[in-house]
Protein backbone atom coordinates (compact mmCIF):
# COMPACT_ATOMS: atom_id res chain seq x y z
CA MET A 1 4.54 -2.49 34.06
CA GLY A 2 7.14 -3.42 31.38
CA LYS A 3 6.57 -7.42 32.11
CA ARG A 4 2.94 -6.86 32.30
CA MET A 5 2.75 -5.31 28.84
CA VAL A 6 4.88 -8.31 27.29
CA MET A 7 2.28 -10.64 29.29
CA PHE A 8 -0.77 -9.01 27.60
CA ASP A 9 0.72 -8.92 24.54
CA VAL A 10 1.25 -12.51 24.42
CA VAL A 11 -2.07 -13.34 26.08
CA PHE A 12 -4.31 -11.12 23.74
CA TYR A 13 -2.30 -10.78 20.72
CA VAL A 14 -1.08 -14.72 20.34
CA VAL A 15 -2.52 -16.86 22.83
CA PHE A 16 -5.93 -16.04 22.36
CA PRO A 17 -6.12 -15.65 18.40
CA ILE A 18 -3.98 -19.32 18.09
CA MET A 19 -7.10 -20.66 20.57
CA LEU A 20 -9.94 -19.71 18.88
CA TRP A 21 -8.52 -19.96 15.41
CA HIS A 22 -8.20 -23.93 16.07
CA ALA A 23 -11.57 -23.86 17.93
CA LEU A 24 -13.72 -21.80 15.48
CA ARG A 25 -12.36 -23.01 12.08
CA SER A 26 -14.36 -25.89 11.49
CA PRO A 27 -17.89 -24.57 13.20
CA VAL A 28 -18.08 -20.88 11.43
CA GLY A 29 -15.07 -21.60 8.76
CA GLU A 30 -11.60 -20.12 8.32
CA TYR A 31 -12.37 -16.51 7.28
CA GLY A 32 -15.13 -16.27 10.14
CA ALA A 33 -12.44 -17.85 12.43
CA MET A 34 -10.04 -15.18 11.45
CA LEU A 35 -12.29 -12.22 12.03
CA ILE A 36 -13.05 -13.53 15.14
CA CYS A 37 -9.51 -14.05 16.05
CA THR A 38 -8.66 -10.23 15.47
CA VAL A 39 -11.31 -9.32 18.35
CA PRO A 40 -9.16 -9.65 21.48
CA GLY A 41 -6.17 -7.62 20.28
CA ALA A 42 -8.73 -4.86 18.98
CA VAL A 43 -10.33 -4.95 22.30
CA TYR A 44 -7.20 -5.10 24.06
CA THR A 45 -5.50 -2.13 21.35
CA VAL A 46 -8.95 0.11 22.66
CA TYR A 47 -8.19 -0.52 26.15
CA ARG A 48 -4.49 0.67 25.93
CA TYR A 49 -5.51 3.84 23.71
CA TRP A 50 -8.12 4.57 26.41
CA ARG A 51 -5.27 4.22 29.19
CA ILE A 52 -2.98 6.44 27.41
CA ARG A 53 -5.84 8.42 25.43
CA LYS A 54 -3.62 11.89 26.50
CA VAL A 55 -0.83 10.82 24.43
CA GLN A 56 -1.15 12.57 20.91
CA TRP A 57 0.69 10.78 18.26
CA PHE A 58 1.11 7.29 19.52
CA GLY A 59 -2.56 7.08 20.79
CA THR A 60 -3.82 8.59 17.24
CA PHE A 61 -1.23 6.00 15.38
CA LEU A 62 -2.69 3.14 17.65
CA ILE A 63 -6.17 3.71 16.62
CA VAL A 64 -5.75 4.58 12.80
CA ASN A 65 -3.77 1.23 12.97
CA LEU A 66 -6.86 -0.64 14.27
CA ALA A 67 -9.30 0.76 12.29
CA VAL A 68 -7.46 0.38 8.73
CA SER A 69 -6.63 -3.31 10.17
CA THR A 70 -10.13 -3.87 10.79
CA LEU A 71 -11.32 -2.43 7.63
CA LEU A 72 -9.12 -4.47 5.74
CA ASN A 73 -10.06 -7.60 7.27
CA ILE A 74 -13.99 -6.95 7.03
CA PHE A 75 -13.64 -6.31 3.51
CA ALA A 76 -11.03 -9.14 2.85
CA GLY A 77 -13.88 -11.44 1.97
CA SER A 78 -11.73 -14.45 2.28
CA ALA A 79 -9.35 -16.60 4.47
CA LEU A 80 -6.47 -16.15 2.26
CA GLN A 81 -6.98 -12.88 1.08
CA MET A 82 -7.14 -11.38 4.72
CA LEU A 83 -3.80 -12.90 5.10
CA TRP A 84 -2.57 -11.09 2.00
CA ASN A 85 -3.86 -7.77 3.04
CA ASP A 86 -1.52 -8.41 6.14
CA VAL A 87 1.29 -8.78 3.95
CA TRP A 88 0.73 -5.37 1.65
CA TYR A 89 -0.29 -3.70 4.94
CA SER A 90 2.88 -4.52 6.62
CA ILE A 91 4.62 -3.28 3.54
CA VAL A 92 2.43 0.21 3.56
CA LEU A 93 3.79 0.20 6.94
CA SER A 94 7.37 -0.37 6.37
CA VAL A 95 7.71 2.50 3.94
CA PHE A 96 5.15 4.87 6.19
CA PHE A 97 8.07 4.68 8.91
CA LEU A 98 10.88 5.13 6.01
CA VAL A 99 9.35 8.24 4.55
CA THR A 100 8.93 10.05 8.10
CA VAL A 101 12.90 9.44 8.21
CA VAL A 102 13.25 10.87 4.50
CA VAL A 103 12.00 13.81 5.27
CA LYS A 104 13.46 14.23 8.74
CA ARG A 105 10.38 13.65 11.07
CA PRO A 106 11.05 10.40 12.65
CA LEU A 107 8.01 9.02 14.12
CA LEU A 108 9.70 7.38 16.58
CA LEU A 109 11.05 11.06 17.99
CA TYR A 110 7.22 12.09 18.47
CA PHE A 111 6.20 9.07 20.11
CA SER A 112 9.09 9.49 22.28
CA LEU A 113 7.87 12.97 23.34
CA ASP A 114 4.54 11.90 24.13
CA PHE A 115 5.75 9.67 26.55
CA VAL A 116 7.88 12.11 28.36
CA GLU A 117 5.27 14.61 28.28
CA MET A 118 3.12 11.91 30.39
CA GLN A 119 6.19 11.74 33.04
CA GLY A 120 6.08 15.14 33.44
CA ALA A 121 8.62 16.69 31.02
CA PRO A 122 8.21 19.56 29.52
CA ARG A 123 7.58 19.00 25.77
CA SER A 124 9.17 21.57 24.13
CA VAL A 125 12.38 21.45 26.46
CA MET A 126 12.43 17.59 25.45
CA LYS A 127 11.74 18.57 21.84
CA ARG A 128 14.91 20.77 21.38
CA ARG A 129 17.00 18.00 23.27
CA PHE A 130 15.88 15.25 21.04
CA LEU A 131 16.57 17.59 17.69
CA GLU A 132 20.21 17.52 18.70
CA ARG A 133 22.13 15.91 15.92
CA ASP A 134 23.54 13.24 17.88
CA VAL A 135 19.94 12.02 19.54
CA PHE A 136 18.40 13.00 16.37
CA SER A 137 20.38 10.37 14.51
CA LEU A 138 19.37 7.63 17.02
CA PHE A 139 15.88 8.35 16.61
CA GLN A 140 16.25 8.16 12.90
CA TRP A 141 17.82 4.68 13.06
CA ILE A 142 15.25 3.72 15.77
CA THR A 143 12.71 4.10 13.19
CA VAL A 144 14.59 2.47 10.63
CA GLY A 145 14.58 -0.67 13.03
CA PHE A 146 10.71 -0.26 13.24
CA ALA A 147 10.40 -0.19 9.26
CA LEU A 148 12.70 -2.98 9.00
CA ARG A 149 10.70 -4.98 11.64
CA ASP A 150 7.48 -4.40 9.32
CA GLY A 151 9.48 -5.18 6.25
CA LEU A 152 10.82 -8.62 7.19
CA LEU A 153 7.27 -9.16 8.46
CA ALA A 154 5.95 -8.90 5.16
CA ALA A 155 8.37 -11.09 3.29
CA ILE A 156 7.93 -13.73 6.08
CA LYS A 157 4.06 -13.74 6.06
CA ALA A 158 4.28 -13.71 2.16
CA TYR A 159 6.37 -17.09 2.27
CA LEU A 160 4.59 -18.78 4.57
CA ILE A 161 1.22 -18.08 2.77
CA VAL A 162 2.60 -19.27 -0.46
CA ARG A 163 3.68 -22.31 1.43
CA TYR A 164 1.29 -23.20 3.58
CA ASP A 165 -1.94 -21.28 2.48
CA VAL A 166 -4.30 -20.36 5.27
CA GLU A 167 -2.12 -22.93 7.68
CA ALA A 168 0.03 -19.74 7.81
CA PHE A 169 -2.27 -17.85 9.80
CA ASP A 170 -1.19 -19.20 13.37
CA ARG A 171 2.12 -19.59 12.27
CA ALA A 172 2.44 -16.00 11.00
CA ILE A 173 1.35 -14.74 14.48
CA VAL A 174 3.88 -16.29 16.70
CA ILE A 175 6.46 -14.90 14.77
CA ARG A 176 5.18 -11.76 14.34
CA GLU A 177 5.18 -11.56 18.02
CA VAL A 178 8.64 -12.85 18.01
CA ILE A 179 10.48 -10.53 15.68
CA GLY A 180 8.18 -7.43 16.95
CA TRP A 181 9.69 -7.98 20.19
CA GLY A 182 13.14 -8.94 19.05
CA ILE A 183 13.34 -5.31 17.13
CA THR A 184 11.86 -3.56 19.69
CA ILE A 185 14.65 -4.83 22.27
CA LEU A 186 17.16 -3.86 19.90
CA CYS A 187 15.58 -0.29 19.66
CA MET A 188 15.42 -0.04 23.15
CA LEU A 189 19.18 0.18 23.11
CA GLY A 190 19.48 3.20 21.43
CA PHE A 191 16.64 4.80 23.85
CA VAL A 192 19.00 3.89 26.60
CA ARG A 193 21.63 5.60 24.74
CA ILE A 194 19.42 8.43 23.98
CA SER A 195 18.40 8.46 27.87
CA LYS A 196 22.71 8.41 28.47
CA ILE A 197 23.39 11.61 26.10
CA ILE A 198 20.79 13.64 27.90
CA SER A 199 21.74 13.05 31.35
CA GLU A 200 25.13 13.45 30.58
CA ARG A 201 24.87 16.81 28.90
CA GLU A 202 22.38 17.83 32.05
CA ASN A 203 25.17 16.83 34.23
CA ARG A 204 27.80 18.93 32.51
CA HIS A 205 25.16 22.07 32.44
CA HIS A 206 24.96 21.78 36.15
CA SER A 207 28.52 21.67 36.98
CA THR A 208 29.60 24.83 34.92
C-alpha cells in the first residue's frame, strides 16, 4: 500500500502536472495551464479523502487544504501571482504546524490517532499512550519536522520564482515532492520509535 501511494503521488502530483504544463501553456496561456495542472492533484486528493472519510483530523485537513489552495489559485489572476500565493500559503502552513506544537497540541499526534483508530485500536486508550511524556515529545518533534518542510519549500519556491519567474513552476513541482517525501521518511523514523516505545511498555505490562 505504501509503494502504491508513493507511485500515485508521483503520477498525480508530479507527472500529470508537468505534462499538462508543457502541453497547454502555449494553447491556453501560462495562468490557464497552471490552473489545469492543479486538477489531477485535486481529484486525487478528493479520492484520498473519500477513501479515508471516517478519519476526523486528517480527512478534515486534506479537504480544507484543498479548498484553500483552490481558492488561492482561482483568485490569483496571473501565473506569477499563483506561484507567489503558493509560497505564502506554505509559510502559513509552516506557522500553523508550529503553533500546534507551541500550544502542546501537535497536529501529527491527532493524525496518528485517526489512523490507529482506523486499524481498530481504541482511540481513548491510544490517546493516553500518545500523551505519555517521551511519546508526546516525539510527536512534537515530528510536527516540527512538517513545519520545517513547509518553511523550506516556501524558501526554495521563492528563490526559484525570483530566478526563473514562471519557469519555476515545473522545477518547484519536482523539488516539492523530493523534499516532502524526504522529510516524511525522516519523520517515519519517529513513528517507528513511538511504536517501539509503546510495544515495549505493553510487553512489560503483560509480563508483570
